[in-house]
Amino acid sequence: MSTKLSQSLKALINAPLARPGQTPAPPRIKELYQQIAREARERQYGVRPWLALSAAATFTLNSPASLPSLLQTASSSPSPLTPLEVAEFIREVGLKCISFNGIPRTINSLAAFRAALDPALVSQLETRPSRALTPSNLPAAQARGRALWESVYRPLDDKLEARLAESHPDLPVYILESHYGPLLSDPPAGGRGGLGTVGRTLTSVVAVACLRAQTGVGPQVLSHVFGLRKGVEQGAHGEELEGIEGERAGMERVAGDEGCEWLLKSVDRITEAIGGGFAGQGSGRESKL
């Protein structure tokens, strides 16, 4: 069999109706990010929650060309974060998006994001991995995954696991041991070097944003809204945001009714502005821009 593809097959793979390319950055995306950031300041939510939801929605909508505007907005005054801290945080959000969006969009978006960065900033990015599994650290990773699963879904964690196993016996195994353990839960901080950290409650923000931008997965959005609230109720935000002025109380506000409504509506505005998402252009959402 020939290893060359026919012109007609190449054309079909890249047919416009298949939307094979990434979504370009809309002209006013930076203005929208600035608006969301300003609202977060006014509501005293902190920087990381709005940055997490904006990055997650942008990765989901397959628009890496919008990420440099997000970086500029999040590292501009009065933000307490440096461009390097923002870049590492965005990369970490993109990595965790794999659990909600799949691998291809994260691969393409992270590569495009790095290519768009200033070379001086690229030279400062962490290059050492932190999630390699070994026989010695595997039990700890599995325990972290189980703890995160219980934190998000308790008191229905056992019931949900059993229900997933009815669909396929390996489904809960894969979710827990390939996602909740090695990816969604954070490895020990001492071995992460300069990599960004998206802790327990911000991971729930990422989950809500990804799933909302996808559309069609309302039950999962609901589950992770509850997961966000449970994380705050359990005090997870206290440790992960310790020493970051205002963000501990801000996360508590984000987890309330008003904060969750703002989170969802912010994702909706990003979805409409970028004009992408898994539902395509015909989403039927009213434009906010």
C-alpha atoms as a PDB file:
ATOM      1  CA  MET A   1       0.000   0.000   0.000  1.00  0.00           C
ATOM      2  CA  SER A   2       1.342   3.423  -0.924  1.00  0.00           C
ATOM      3  CA  THR A   3       2.400   5.719   1.913  1.00  0.00           C
ATOM      4  CA  LYS A   4       1.371   8.733  -0.153  1.00  0.00           C
ATOM      5  CA  LEU A   5      -2.131  10.120   0.099  1.00  0.00           C
ATOM      6  CA  SER A   6      -4.138  11.122  -2.917  1.00  0.00           C
ATOM      7  CA  GLN A   7      -4.937  14.782  -3.436  1.00  0.00           C
ATOM      8  CA  SER A   8      -8.643  14.048  -3.012  1.00  0.00           C
ATOM      9  CA  LEU A   9      -8.042  12.322   0.336  1.00  0.00           C
ATOM     10  CA  LYS A  10      -5.874  15.209   1.556  1.00  0.00           C
ATOM     11  CA  ALA A  11      -8.572  17.649   0.487  1.00  0.00           C
ATOM     12  CA  LEU A  12     -11.216  15.665   2.343  1.00  0.00           C
ATOM     13  CA  ILE A  13      -9.129  15.555   5.536  1.00  0.00           C
ATOM     14  CA  ASN A  14      -8.728  19.329   5.387  1.00  0.00           C
ATOM     15  CA  ALA A  15     -12.244  20.113   4.175  1.00  0.00           C
ATOM     16  CA  PRO A  16     -13.591  23.374   5.679  1.00  0.00           C
ATOM     17  CA  LEU A  17     -16.697  21.611   6.989  1.00  0.00           C
ATOM     18  CA  ALA A  18     -14.429  19.485   9.208  1.00  0.00           C
ATOM     19  CA  ARG A  19     -12.873  22.615  10.726  1.00  0.00           C
ATOM     20  CA  PRO A  20      -9.411  21.000  10.766  1.00  0.00           C
ATOM     21  CA  GLY A  21      -7.532  24.071  11.972  1.00  0.00           C
ATOM     22  CA  GLN A  22      -7.398  25.942  15.240  1.00  0.00           C
ATOM     23  CA  THR A  23      -9.786  28.787  15.987  1.00  0.00           C
ATOM     24  CA  PRO A  24      -8.232  32.220  15.383  1.00  0.00           C
ATOM     25  CA  ALA A  25      -8.214  34.857  18.095  1.00  0.00           C
ATOM     26  CA  PRO A  26     -11.145  37.260  17.673  1.00  0.00           C
ATOM     27  CA  PRO A  27     -10.242  40.961  17.429  1.00  0.00           C
ATOM     28  CA  ARG A  28     -11.671  41.878  20.835  1.00  0.00           C
ATOM     29  CA  ILE A  29     -10.629  38.882  22.918  1.00  0.00           C
ATOM     30  CA  LYS A  30      -8.121  40.874  24.983  1.00  0.00           C
ATOM     31  CA  GLU A  31     -10.833  43.383  25.790  1.00  0.00           C
ATOM     32  CA  LEU A  32     -13.038  40.547  27.030  1.00  0.00           C
ATOM     33  CA  TYR A  33     -10.265  39.059  29.189  1.00  0.00           C
ATOM     34  CA  GLN A  34      -9.680  42.529  30.658  1.00  0.00           C
ATOM     35  CA  GLN A  35     -13.371  42.860  31.413  1.00  0.00           C
ATOM     36  CA  ILE A  36     -13.476  39.501  33.194  1.00  0.00           C
ATOM     37  CA  ALA A  37     -10.317  40.405  35.131  1.00  0.00           C
ATOM     38  CA  ARG A  38     -11.830  43.735  36.152  1.00  0.00           C
ATOM     39  CA  GLU A  39     -15.010  42.038  37.349  1.00  0.00           C
ATOM     40  CA  ALA A  40     -12.933  39.597  39.377  1.00  0.00           C
ATOM     41  CA  ARG A  41     -11.136  42.508  41.072  1.00  0.00           C
ATOM     42  CA  GLU A  42     -14.388  44.329  41.782  1.00  0.00           C
ATOM     43  CA  ARG A  43     -15.947  41.192  43.264  1.00  0.00           C
ATOM     44  CA  GLN A  44     -12.730  40.354  45.143  1.00  0.00           C
ATOM     45  CA  TYR A  45     -12.418  36.898  43.604  1.00  0.00           C
ATOM     46  CA  GLY A  46      -8.655  37.048  43.094  1.00  0.00           C
ATOM     47  CA  VAL A  47      -6.525  36.550  39.982  1.00  0.00           C
ATOM     48  CA  ARG A  48      -6.203  32.775  39.723  1.00  0.00           C
ATOM     49  CA  PRO A  49      -9.919  31.911  39.508  1.00  0.00           C
ATOM     50  CA  TRP A  50     -10.568  34.179  36.520  1.00  0.00           C
ATOM     51  CA  LEU A  51      -7.283  33.137  34.899  1.00  0.00           C
ATOM     52  CA  ALA A  52      -8.109  29.445  35.387  1.00  0.00           C
ATOM     53  CA  LEU A  53     -11.596  29.711  33.876  1.00  0.00           C
ATOM     54  CA  SER A  54     -10.388  31.867  30.976  1.00  0.00           C
ATOM     55  CA  ALA A  55      -7.477  29.585  30.117  1.00  0.00           C
ATOM     56  CA  ALA A  56      -9.583  26.426  30.392  1.00  0.00           C
ATOM     57  CA  ALA A  57     -12.327  27.829  28.165  1.00  0.00           C
ATOM     58  CA  THR A  58      -9.760  29.006  25.614  1.00  0.00           C
ATOM     59  CA  PHE A  59      -8.069  25.604  25.445  1.00  0.00           C
ATOM     60  CA  THR A  60     -11.467  23.935  25.080  1.00  0.00           C
ATOM     61  CA  LEU A  61     -12.393  26.280  22.242  1.00  0.00           C
ATOM     62  CA  ASN A  62      -9.128  25.431  20.483  1.00  0.00           C
ATOM     63  CA  SER A  63      -7.907  29.027  20.238  1.00  0.00           C
ATOM     64  CA  PRO A  64      -4.236  29.098  21.288  1.00  0.00           C
ATOM     65  CA  ALA A  65      -3.861  32.366  19.355  1.00  0.00           C
ATOM     66  CA  SER A  66      -5.958  33.963  22.099  1.00  0.00           C
ATOM     67  CA  LEU A  67      -3.633  32.809  24.894  1.00  0.00           C
ATOM     68  CA  PRO A  68      -0.940  35.530  24.444  1.00  0.00           C
ATOM     69  CA  SER A  69      -3.659  38.149  25.085  1.00  0.00           C
ATOM     70  CA  LEU A  70      -4.650  36.244  28.206  1.00  0.00           C
ATOM     71  CA  LEU A  71      -1.021  36.185  29.377  1.00  0.00           C
ATOM     72  CA  GLN A  72      -0.658  39.941  28.794  1.00  0.00           C
ATOM     73  CA  THR A  73      -3.864  40.685  30.668  1.00  0.00           C
ATOM     74  CA  ALA A  74      -3.061  38.439  33.630  1.00  0.00           C
ATOM     75  CA  SER A  75       0.479  39.777  34.072  1.00  0.00           C
ATOM     76  CA  SER A  76      -0.392  43.480  33.699  1.00  0.00           C
ATOM     77  CA  SER A  77      -0.735  45.812  36.676  1.00  0.00           C
ATOM     78  CA  PRO A  78      -2.368  45.462  39.177  1.00  0.00           C
ATOM     79  CA  SER A  79      -1.821  41.699  38.802  1.00  0.00           C
ATOM     80  CA  PRO A  80       0.563  40.212  41.399  1.00  0.00           C
ATOM     81  CA  LEU A  81       1.718  37.555  38.913  1.00  0.00           C
ATOM     82  CA  THR A  82       4.796  37.818  36.708  1.00  0.00           C
ATOM     83  CA  PRO A  83       4.635  36.814  33.019  1.00  0.00           C
ATOM     84  CA  LEU A  84       6.567  33.641  33.872  1.00  0.00           C
ATOM     85  CA  GLU A  85       4.124  32.710  36.649  1.00  0.00           C
ATOM     86  CA  VAL A  86       1.189  33.323  34.322  1.00  0.00           C
ATOM     87  CA  ALA A  87       2.757  31.284  31.515  1.00  0.00           C
ATOM     88  CA  GLU A  88       3.441  28.337  33.821  1.00  0.00           C
ATOM     89  CA  PHE A  89      -0.076  28.529  35.263  1.00  0.00           C
ATOM     90  CA  ILE A  90      -1.609  28.558  31.770  1.00  0.00           C
ATOM     91  CA  ARG A  91       0.527  25.564  30.761  1.00  0.00           C
ATOM     92  CA  GLU A  92      -0.630  23.648  33.837  1.00  0.00           C
ATOM     93  CA  VAL A  93      -4.284  24.458  33.145  1.00  0.00           C
ATOM     94  CA  GLY A  94      -3.797  23.265  29.567  1.00  0.00           C
ATOM     95  CA  LEU A  95      -2.328  19.996  30.787  1.00  0.00           C
ATOM     96  CA  LYS A  96      -5.265  19.345  33.119  1.00  0.00           C
ATOM     97  CA  CYS A  97      -7.674  20.124  30.282  1.00  0.00           C
ATOM     98  CA  ILE A  98      -6.690  16.719  28.850  1.00  0.00           C
ATOM     99  CA  SER A  99      -9.030  15.056  31.347  1.00  0.00           C
ATOM    100  CA  PHE A 100     -12.009  17.029  30.031  1.00  0.00           C
ATOM    101  CA  ASN A 101     -11.167  17.793  26.379  1.00  0.00           C
ATOM    102  CA  GLY A 102      -8.870  14.975  25.288  1.00  0.00           C
ATOM    103  CA  ILE A 103      -5.208  14.992  24.314  1.00  0.00           C
ATOM    104  CA  PRO A 104      -5.109  16.514  20.768  1.00  0.00           C
ATOM    105  CA  ARG A 105      -6.325  20.009  21.633  1.00  0.00           C
ATOM    106  CA  THR A 106      -3.902  20.285  24.524  1.00  0.00           C
ATOM    107  CA  ILE A 107      -0.985  19.074  22.387  1.00  0.00           C
ATOM    108  CA  ASN A 108      -1.693  21.591  19.625  1.00  0.00           C
ATOM    109  CA  SER A 109      -2.577  24.472  21.930  1.00  0.00           C
ATOM    110  CA  LEU A 110       0.419  24.104  24.244  1.00  0.00           C
ATOM    111  CA  ALA A 111       2.754  23.933  21.242  1.00  0.00           C
ATOM    112  CA  ALA A 112       1.208  27.022  19.660  1.00  0.00           C
ATOM    113  CA  PHE A 113       1.269  28.886  22.976  1.00  0.00           C
ATOM    114  CA  ARG A 114       4.978  28.204  23.463  1.00  0.00           C
ATOM    115  CA  ALA A 115       5.731  29.258  19.898  1.00  0.00           C
ATOM    116  CA  ALA A 116       3.993  32.590  20.492  1.00  0.00           C
ATOM    117  CA  LEU A 117       5.968  33.444  23.646  1.00  0.00           C
ATOM    118  CA  ASP A 118       8.927  35.795  23.771  1.00  0.00           C
ATOM    119  CA  PRO A 119      12.134  33.718  23.469  1.00  0.00           C
ATOM    120  CA  ALA A 120      13.408  35.244  26.716  1.00  0.00           C
ATOM    121  CA  LEU A 121      10.328  33.923  28.509  1.00  0.00           C
ATOM    122  CA  VAL A 122      10.573  30.524  26.821  1.00  0.00           C
ATOM    123  CA  SER A 123      14.123  30.167  28.127  1.00  0.00           C
ATOM    124  CA  GLN A 124      12.785  30.451  31.708  1.00  0.00           C
ATOM    125  CA  LEU A 125      10.063  27.814  31.412  1.00  0.00           C
ATOM    126  CA  GLU A 126      10.508  24.667  33.488  1.00  0.00           C
ATOM    127  CA  THR A 127      11.716  21.707  31.433  1.00  0.00           C
ATOM    128  CA  ARG A 128      11.769  18.945  34.071  1.00  0.00           C
ATOM    129  CA  PRO A 129       8.687  16.692  34.329  1.00  0.00           C
ATOM    130  CA  SER A 130       6.949  16.110  37.650  1.00  0.00           C
ATOM    131  CA  ARG A 131       4.452  13.341  36.927  1.00  0.00           C
ATOM    132  CA  ALA A 132       6.611  10.382  35.884  1.00  0.00           C
ATOM    133  CA  LEU A 133       5.305   7.239  37.578  1.00  0.00           C
ATOM    134  CA  THR A 134       7.716   4.797  39.184  1.00  0.00           C
ATOM    135  CA  PRO A 135       7.165   1.666  41.274  1.00  0.00           C
ATOM    136  CA  SER A 136       8.012   3.694  44.367  1.00  0.00           C
ATOM    137  CA  ASN A 137       5.654   6.651  43.795  1.00  0.00           C
ATOM    138  CA  LEU A 138       2.744   4.794  42.160  1.00  0.00           C
ATOM    139  CA  PRO A 139       0.942   4.002  45.452  1.00  0.00           C
ATOM    140  CA  ALA A 140       1.085   7.662  46.480  1.00  0.00           C
ATOM    141  CA  ALA A 141      -0.298   8.763  43.095  1.00  0.00           C
ATOM    142  CA  GLN A 142      -3.130   6.258  43.380  1.00  0.00           C
ATOM    143  CA  ALA A 143      -3.894   7.463  46.904  1.00  0.00           C
ATOM    144  CA  ARG A 144      -3.963  11.096  45.734  1.00  0.00           C
ATOM    145  CA  GLY A 145      -6.361  10.170  42.953  1.00  0.00           C
ATOM    146  CA  ARG A 146      -8.670   8.327  45.309  1.00  0.00           C
ATOM    147  CA  ALA A 147      -8.606  11.235  47.770  1.00  0.00           C
ATOM    148  CA  LEU A 148      -9.466  13.737  45.034  1.00  0.00           C
ATOM    149  CA  TRP A 149     -12.266  11.517  43.720  1.00  0.00           C
ATOM    150  CA  GLU A 150     -13.783  11.249  47.182  1.00  0.00           C
ATOM    151  CA  SER A 151     -13.361  14.974  47.755  1.00  0.00           C
ATOM    152  CA  VAL A 152     -15.284  15.833  44.577  1.00  0.00           C
ATOM    153  CA  TYR A 153     -18.062  13.233  44.737  1.00  0.00           C
ATOM    154  CA  ARG A 154     -18.560  12.309  48.409  1.00  0.00           C
ATOM    155  CA  PRO A 155     -21.050  10.973  49.608  1.00  0.00           C
ATOM    156  CA  LEU A 156     -21.857   9.546  46.161  1.00  0.00           C
ATOM    157  CA  ASP A 157     -18.323   8.492  45.246  1.00  0.00           C
ATOM    158  CA  ASP A 158     -18.833   4.738  45.708  1.00  0.00           C
ATOM    159  CA  LYS A 159     -22.217   4.800  43.966  1.00  0.00           C
ATOM    160  CA  LEU A 160     -20.797   6.716  40.995  1.00  0.00           C
ATOM    161  CA  GLU A 161     -17.841   4.363  40.688  1.00  0.00           C
ATOM    162  CA  ALA A 162     -20.174   1.360  40.631  1.00  0.00           C
ATOM    163  CA  ARG A 163     -22.382   3.003  38.009  1.00  0.00           C
ATOM    164  CA  LEU A 164     -19.389   3.734  35.775  1.00  0.00           C
ATOM    165  CA  ALA A 165     -18.252   0.123  36.108  1.00  0.00           C
ATOM    166  CA  GLU A 166     -21.641  -1.035  34.824  1.00  0.00           C
ATOM    167  CA  SER A 167     -20.952   0.848  31.590  1.00  0.00           C
ATOM    168  CA  HIS A 168     -17.490  -0.715  31.321  1.00  0.00           C
ATOM    169  CA  PRO A 169     -15.491  -2.356  34.121  1.00  0.00           C
ATOM    170  CA  ASP A 170     -12.343  -0.444  33.150  1.00  0.00           C
ATOM    171  CA  LEU A 171     -14.028   2.966  32.967  1.00  0.00           C
ATOM    172  CA  PRO A 172     -13.648   3.911  36.659  1.00  0.00           C
ATOM    173  CA  VAL A 173     -10.224   2.248  36.729  1.00  0.00           C
ATOM    174  CA  TYR A 174      -9.020   4.427  33.869  1.00  0.00           C
ATOM    175  CA  ILE A 175     -10.594   7.605  35.258  1.00  0.00           C
ATOM    176  CA  LEU A 176      -9.077   7.142  38.711  1.00  0.00           C
ATOM    177  CA  GLU A 177      -5.668   5.735  37.812  1.00  0.00           C
ATOM    178  CA  SER A 178      -4.976   7.687  34.622  1.00  0.00           C
ATOM    179  CA  HIS A 179      -6.607  11.021  35.389  1.00  0.00           C
ATOM    180  CA  TYR A 180      -7.458  11.669  39.019  1.00  0.00           C
ATOM    181  CA  GLY A 181      -4.199  10.162  40.236  1.00  0.00           C
ATOM    182  CA  PRO A 182      -1.353  11.218  37.947  1.00  0.00           C
ATOM    183  CA  LEU A 183      -2.931  14.299  36.317  1.00  0.00           C
ATOM    184  CA  LEU A 184      -5.745  16.055  38.180  1.00  0.00           C
ATOM    185  CA  SER A 185      -4.193  15.673  41.629  1.00  0.00           C
ATOM    186  CA  ASP A 186      -0.946  17.569  42.120  1.00  0.00           C
ATOM    187  CA  PRO A 187       2.363  15.784  42.751  1.00  0.00           C
ATOM    188  CA  PRO A 188       4.359  16.855  45.846  1.00  0.00           C
ATOM    189  CA  ALA A 189       5.427  20.479  45.522  1.00  0.00           C
ATOM    190  CA  GLY A 190       9.071  19.683  46.263  1.00  0.00           C
ATOM    191  CA  GLY A 191       9.542  17.910  42.956  1.00  0.00           C
ATOM    192  CA  ARG A 192       7.822  20.396  40.665  1.00  0.00           C
ATOM    193  CA  GLY A 193      10.534  23.011  40.203  1.00  0.00           C
ATOM    194  CA  GLY A 194       9.138  26.062  38.441  1.00  0.00           C
ATOM    195  CA  LEU A 195       6.003  24.393  37.088  1.00  0.00           C
ATOM    196  CA  GLY A 196       2.708  26.054  37.830  1.00  0.00           C
ATOM    197  CA  THR A 197       0.292  24.615  40.367  1.00  0.00           C
ATOM    198  CA  VAL A 198      -3.467  24.357  39.907  1.00  0.00           C
ATOM    199  CA  GLY A 199      -4.708  23.032  43.222  1.00  0.00           C
ATOM    200  CA  ARG A 200      -7.829  21.198  44.290  1.00  0.00           C
ATOM    201  CA  THR A 201     -10.387  24.016  44.059  1.00  0.00           C
ATOM    202  CA  LEU A 202      -8.908  25.645  40.963  1.00  0.00           C
ATOM    203  CA  THR A 203      -8.972  22.237  39.276  1.00  0.00           C
ATOM    204  CA  SER A 204     -12.726  22.267  39.860  1.00  0.00           C
ATOM    205  CA  VAL A 205     -12.875  25.714  38.247  1.00  0.00           C
ATOM    206  CA  VAL A 206     -10.996  24.286  35.249  1.00  0.00           C
ATOM    207  CA  ALA A 207     -13.408  21.348  35.069  1.00  0.00           C
ATOM    208  CA  VAL A 208     -16.489  23.576  35.156  1.00  0.00           C
ATOM    209  CA  ALA A 209     -15.064  25.905  32.498  1.00  0.00           C
ATOM    210  CA  CYS A 210     -14.035  23.100  30.119  1.00  0.00           C
ATOM    211  CA  LEU A 211     -17.326  21.277  30.407  1.00  0.00           C
ATOM    212  CA  ARG A 212     -19.415  24.433  30.068  1.00  0.00           C
ATOM    213  CA  ALA A 213     -17.522  25.462  26.929  1.00  0.00           C
ATOM    214  CA  GLN A 214     -17.973  21.985  25.425  1.00  0.00           C
ATOM    215  CA  THR A 215     -21.769  22.063  25.773  1.00  0.00           C
ATOM    216  CA  GLY A 216     -23.875  18.930  25.984  1.00  0.00           C
ATOM    217  CA  VAL A 217     -22.535  17.710  29.315  1.00  0.00           C
ATOM    218  CA  GLY A 218     -24.800  19.425  31.817  1.00  0.00           C
ATOM    219  CA  PRO A 219     -24.709  16.601  34.415  1.00  0.00           C
ATOM    220  CA  GLN A 220     -20.917  16.828  34.571  1.00  0.00           C
ATOM    221  CA  VAL A 221     -21.020  20.627  34.882  1.00  0.00           C
ATOM    222  CA  LEU A 222     -23.394  20.218  37.817  1.00  0.00           C
ATOM    223  CA  SER A 223     -21.158  17.586  39.432  1.00  0.00           C
ATOM    224  CA  HIS A 224     -18.087  19.800  39.257  1.00  0.00           C
ATOM    225  CA  VAL A 225     -19.926  22.897  40.517  1.00  0.00           C
ATOM    226  CA  PHE A 226     -20.723  20.788  43.570  1.00  0.00           C
ATOM    227  CA  GLY A 227     -17.100  19.611  43.534  1.00  0.00           C
ATOM    228  CA  LEU A 228     -15.914  23.218  43.706  1.00  0.00           C
ATOM    229  CA  ARG A 229     -18.148  23.897  46.682  1.00  0.00           C
ATOM    230  CA  LYS A 230     -17.066  20.733  48.455  1.00  0.00           C
ATOM    231  CA  GLY A 231     -13.416  21.666  47.983  1.00  0.00           C
ATOM    232  CA  VAL A 232     -14.016  24.997  49.693  1.00  0.00           C
ATOM    233  CA  GLU A 233     -16.128  23.399  52.434  1.00  0.00           C
ATOM    234  CA  GLN A 234     -13.302  20.933  53.077  1.00  0.00           C
ATOM    235  CA  GLY A 235     -10.815  23.814  53.340  1.00  0.00           C
ATOM    236  CA  ALA A 236      -8.661  22.729  50.407  1.00  0.00           C
ATOM    237  CA  HIS A 237      -8.401  26.324  49.212  1.00  0.00           C
ATOM    238  CA  GLY A 238      -6.838  27.379  52.505  1.00  0.00           C
ATOM    239  CA  GLU A 239      -3.662  25.377  51.995  1.00  0.00           C
ATOM    240  CA  GLU A 240      -3.272  25.886  48.251  1.00  0.00           C
ATOM    241  CA  LEU A 241      -3.829  29.650  48.419  1.00  0.00           C
ATOM    242  CA  GLU A 242      -2.040  30.201  51.730  1.00  0.00           C
ATOM    243  CA  GLY A 243      -0.104  33.457  51.745  1.00  0.00           C
ATOM    244  CA  ILE A 244      -1.753  34.770  48.566  1.00  0.00           C
ATOM    245  CA  GLU A 245      -3.443  37.958  49.676  1.00  0.00           C
ATOM    246  CA  GLY A 246      -7.201  37.975  49.205  1.00  0.00           C
ATOM    247  CA  GLU A 247      -7.431  34.788  47.144  1.00  0.00           C
ATOM    248  CA  ARG A 248      -8.485  32.475  49.947  1.00  0.00           C
ATOM    249  CA  ALA A 249     -11.570  34.582  50.688  1.00  0.00           C
ATOM    250  CA  GLY A 250     -11.993  35.145  46.963  1.00  0.00           C
ATOM    251  CA  MET A 251     -12.290  31.438  46.283  1.00  0.00           C
ATOM    252  CA  GLU A 252     -14.986  31.202  48.938  1.00  0.00           C
ATOM    253  CA  ARG A 253     -16.902  33.903  47.062  1.00  0.00           C
ATOM    254  CA  VAL A 254     -16.431  32.135  43.730  1.00  0.00           C
ATOM    255  CA  ALA A 255     -17.921  28.950  45.199  1.00  0.00           C
ATOM    256  CA  GLY A 256     -21.129  30.734  46.241  1.00  0.00           C
ATOM    257  CA  ASP A 257     -24.222  31.093  44.062  1.00  0.00           C
ATOM    258  CA  GLU A 258     -23.244  34.509  42.740  1.00  0.00           C
ATOM    259  CA  GLY A 259     -19.661  33.433  42.087  1.00  0.00           C
ATOM    260  CA  CYS A 260     -20.668  30.255  40.240  1.00  0.00           C
ATOM    261  CA  GLU A 261     -23.119  32.205  38.099  1.00  0.00           C
ATOM    262  CA  TRP A 262     -20.319  34.635  37.219  1.00  0.00           C
ATOM    263  CA  LEU A 263     -18.007  31.713  36.398  1.00  0.00           C
ATOM    264  CA  LEU A 264     -20.521  30.128  34.011  1.00  0.00           C
ATOM    265  CA  LYS A 265     -21.508  33.418  32.381  1.00  0.00           C
ATOM    266  CA  SER A 266     -17.844  34.345  31.903  1.00  0.00           C
ATOM    267  CA  VAL A 267     -17.230  31.064  30.097  1.00  0.00           C
ATOM    268  CA  ASP A 268     -20.305  31.710  27.956  1.00  0.00           C
ATOM    269  CA  ARG A 269     -18.936  35.115  26.953  1.00  0.00           C
ATOM    270  CA  ILE A 270     -15.571  33.639  25.993  1.00  0.00           C
ATOM    271  CA  THR A 271     -17.343  30.892  24.024  1.00  0.00           C
ATOM    272  CA  GLU A 272     -19.389  33.418  22.108  1.00  0.00           C
ATOM    273  CA  ALA A 273     -16.434  35.734  21.507  1.00  0.00           C
ATOM    274  CA  ILE A 274     -14.188  33.012  20.107  1.00  0.00           C
ATOM    275  CA  GLY A 275     -17.099  31.561  18.175  1.00  0.00           C
ATOM    276  CA  GLY A 276     -15.864  28.005  18.499  1.00  0.00           C
ATOM    277  CA  GLY A 277     -16.415  25.147  20.895  1.00  0.00           C
ATOM    278  CA  PHE A 278     -17.472  21.616  20.140  1.00  0.00           C
ATOM    279  CA  ALA A 279     -20.961  22.826  19.225  1.00  0.00           C
ATOM    280  CA  GLY A 280     -19.579  24.953  16.367  1.00  0.00           C
ATOM    281  CA  GLN A 281     -20.746  28.320  15.165  1.00  0.00           C
ATOM    282  CA  GLY A 282     -24.410  27.487  15.382  1.00  0.00           C
ATOM    283  CA  SER A 283     -24.545  27.497  19.160  1.00  0.00           C
ATOM    284  CA  GLY A 284     -27.555  29.753  19.335  1.00  0.00           C
ATOM    285  CA  ARG A 285     -26.005  31.741  22.188  1.00  0.00           C
ATOM    286  CA  GLU A 286     -26.775  35.433  22.272  1.00  0.00           C
ATOM    287  CA  SER A 287     -23.697  37.487  21.518  1.00  0.00           C
ATOM    288  CA  LYS A 288     -22.336  39.608  24.353  1.00  0.00           C
ATOM    289  CA  LEU A 289     -19.856  41.501  22.163  1.00  0.00           C
END
